[in-house]
């Protein structure tokens, strides 16, 4: 599952580059949105990127934002990720995913969960489209 997620995110990032274009001077940015820096799949995600040859400081930037249990923080964090020109936002909880969907930014959102249906929403299985 982690390999599929990483492949999906890398596909989104590579689509951001024009065909035949040289590598940009800046690294593409992935926004990570979740409830808690102490738990969650973000560590495994970083490990999966490394296994595929991506280094957080060399060829991809990851901007982490955590609500620390305060769901109302997500809206501002999502706006900030938009200002940072994130190419994709990865969420690891239903409240984060829901907030990202409501923000209606033109940034793809990928939801990571071991049990998306059990999280309480049938929409948890959707990958939101840019609007």
Protein backbone atom coordinates (compact mmCIF):
# COMPACT_ATOMS: atom_id res chain seq x y z
CA UNK A 1 0.00 0.00 0.00
CA UNK A 2 2.79 2.43 0.88
CA UNK A 3 4.55 1.77 -2.43
CA UNK A 4 1.30 2.48 -4.30
CA UNK A 5 0.80 5.71 -2.37
CA UNK A 6 4.35 6.89 -3.02
CA UNK A 7 4.04 6.00 -6.72
CA UNK A 8 0.78 7.96 -6.96
CA UNK A 9 2.32 11.02 -5.33
CA UNK A 10 5.42 10.84 -7.51
CA UNK A 11 3.17 10.63 -10.58
CA UNK A 12 1.43 13.83 -9.50
CA UNK A 13 4.77 15.53 -8.91
CA UNK A 14 6.19 14.46 -12.27
CA UNK A 15 3.06 15.69 -14.04
CA UNK A 16 3.84 19.15 -12.69
CA UNK A 17 6.93 19.33 -14.92
CA UNK A 18 6.51 20.21 -18.61
CA UNK A 19 7.51 17.45 -21.04
CA UNK A 20 11.14 17.84 -22.08
CA UNK A 21 11.78 20.56 -19.51
CA UNK A 22 14.94 20.69 -17.52
CA UNK A 23 14.77 19.98 -13.82
CA UNK A 24 13.58 23.15 -12.03
CA UNK A 25 15.89 24.95 -9.62
CA UNK A 26 13.42 24.40 -6.80
CA UNK A 27 12.20 21.05 -5.54
CA UNK A 28 8.52 20.12 -5.89
CA UNK A 29 6.70 20.42 -2.58
CA UNK A 30 4.49 17.80 -0.95
CA UNK A 31 2.22 19.05 1.83
CA UNK A 32 1.61 16.62 4.68
CA UNK A 33 -1.44 17.32 6.83
CA UNK A 34 -2.21 15.26 9.91
CA UNK A 35 -3.27 15.33 13.54
CA UNK A 36 -0.06 14.46 15.38
CA UNK A 37 3.69 14.52 14.64
CA UNK A 38 4.30 11.69 17.12
CA UNK A 39 2.11 9.13 15.37
CA UNK A 40 0.93 8.57 11.86
CA UNK A 41 2.31 7.26 8.60
CA UNK A 42 4.52 10.24 7.70
CA UNK A 43 7.68 8.43 8.85
CA UNK A 44 6.89 5.45 6.62
CA UNK A 45 6.13 7.80 3.76
CA UNK A 46 9.59 9.39 4.06
CA UNK A 47 11.15 5.93 4.16
CA UNK A 48 9.22 4.91 1.04
CA UNK A 49 10.43 8.00 -0.80
CA UNK A 50 14.04 7.20 0.13
CA UNK A 51 13.63 3.63 -1.16
CA UNK A 52 12.60 5.10 -4.52
CA UNK A 53 15.55 7.48 -4.66
CA UNK A 54 13.89 10.64 -3.38
CA UNK A 55 15.56 12.64 -0.66
CA UNK A 56 13.68 15.22 1.34
CA UNK A 57 16.52 17.71 1.12
CA UNK A 58 17.76 16.94 -2.39
CA UNK A 59 14.93 16.43 -4.88
CA UNK A 60 11.65 16.85 -3.00
CA UNK A 61 10.46 19.16 -0.22
CA UNK A 62 7.91 18.00 2.33
CA UNK A 63 6.06 20.60 4.36
CA UNK A 64 4.52 19.04 7.47
CA UNK A 65 1.53 20.58 9.22
CA UNK A 66 -0.08 19.00 12.28
CA UNK A 67 -3.28 20.13 14.01
CA UNK A 68 -2.24 18.62 17.37
CA UNK A 69 -5.86 17.68 18.01
CA UNK A 70 -7.32 21.07 17.01
CA UNK A 71 -9.31 20.44 13.83
CA UNK A 72 -9.93 24.18 13.37
CA UNK A 73 -6.21 24.61 12.55
CA UNK A 74 -6.51 22.68 9.29
CA UNK A 75 -8.07 25.51 7.26
CA UNK A 76 -5.16 27.88 7.90
CA UNK A 77 -2.62 25.11 7.38
CA UNK A 78 -4.15 24.20 4.02
CA UNK A 79 -4.08 27.84 2.91
CA UNK A 80 -0.43 27.99 3.92
CA UNK A 81 0.38 24.87 1.89
CA UNK A 82 -1.35 26.53 -1.07
CA UNK A 83 0.83 29.63 -0.66
CA UNK A 84 3.89 27.36 -0.56
CA UNK A 85 2.82 26.01 -3.97
CA UNK A 86 2.44 22.40 -2.82
CA UNK A 87 1.94 20.10 -5.81
CA UNK A 88 0.00 17.54 -3.76
CA UNK A 89 -1.39 17.36 -0.21
CA UNK A 90 -1.25 14.06 1.65
CA UNK A 91 -3.65 13.70 4.59
CA UNK A 92 -3.54 11.01 7.25
CA UNK A 93 -6.89 11.53 8.95
CA UNK A 94 -10.47 12.03 7.87
CA UNK A 95 -10.77 15.51 9.49
CA UNK A 96 -7.68 16.65 7.54
CA UNK A 97 -9.06 15.17 4.32
CA UNK A 98 -12.44 16.79 4.86
CA UNK A 99 -10.81 20.19 5.52
CA UNK A 100 -8.72 19.85 2.35
CA UNK A 101 -11.81 19.02 0.29
CA UNK A 102 -13.67 22.01 1.72
CA UNK A 103 -10.78 24.36 0.90
CA UNK A 104 -11.30 23.70 -2.81
CA UNK A 105 -7.73 24.49 -3.75
CA UNK A 106 -6.46 23.40 -7.15
CA UNK A 107 -4.14 20.89 -5.46
CA UNK A 108 -4.70 17.13 -5.59
CA UNK A 109 -5.34 15.53 -2.20
CA UNK A 110 -4.33 11.96 -1.36
CA UNK A 111 -5.84 10.36 1.76
CA UNK A 112 -3.74 7.80 3.63
CA UNK A 113 -5.54 5.46 6.02
CA UNK A 114 -5.45 1.85 7.05
CA UNK A 115 -9.26 1.87 7.28
CA UNK A 116 -10.82 4.71 5.26
CA UNK A 117 -14.36 3.31 5.43
CA UNK A 118 -14.04 2.79 9.19
CA UNK A 119 -13.07 6.44 9.57
CA UNK A 120 -16.72 7.33 9.23
CA UNK A 121 -17.06 8.56 5.68
CA UNK A 122 -17.78 6.91 2.38
CA UNK A 123 -15.97 9.83 0.71
CA UNK A 124 -12.71 8.86 2.41
CA UNK A 125 -11.85 6.60 -0.52
CA UNK A 126 -11.92 9.45 -3.00
CA UNK A 127 -8.88 11.27 -4.24
CA UNK A 128 -10.09 14.79 -4.73
CA UNK A 129 -9.73 16.38 -8.10
CA UNK A 130 -8.38 19.86 -8.64
CA UNK A 131 -11.27 22.30 -8.98
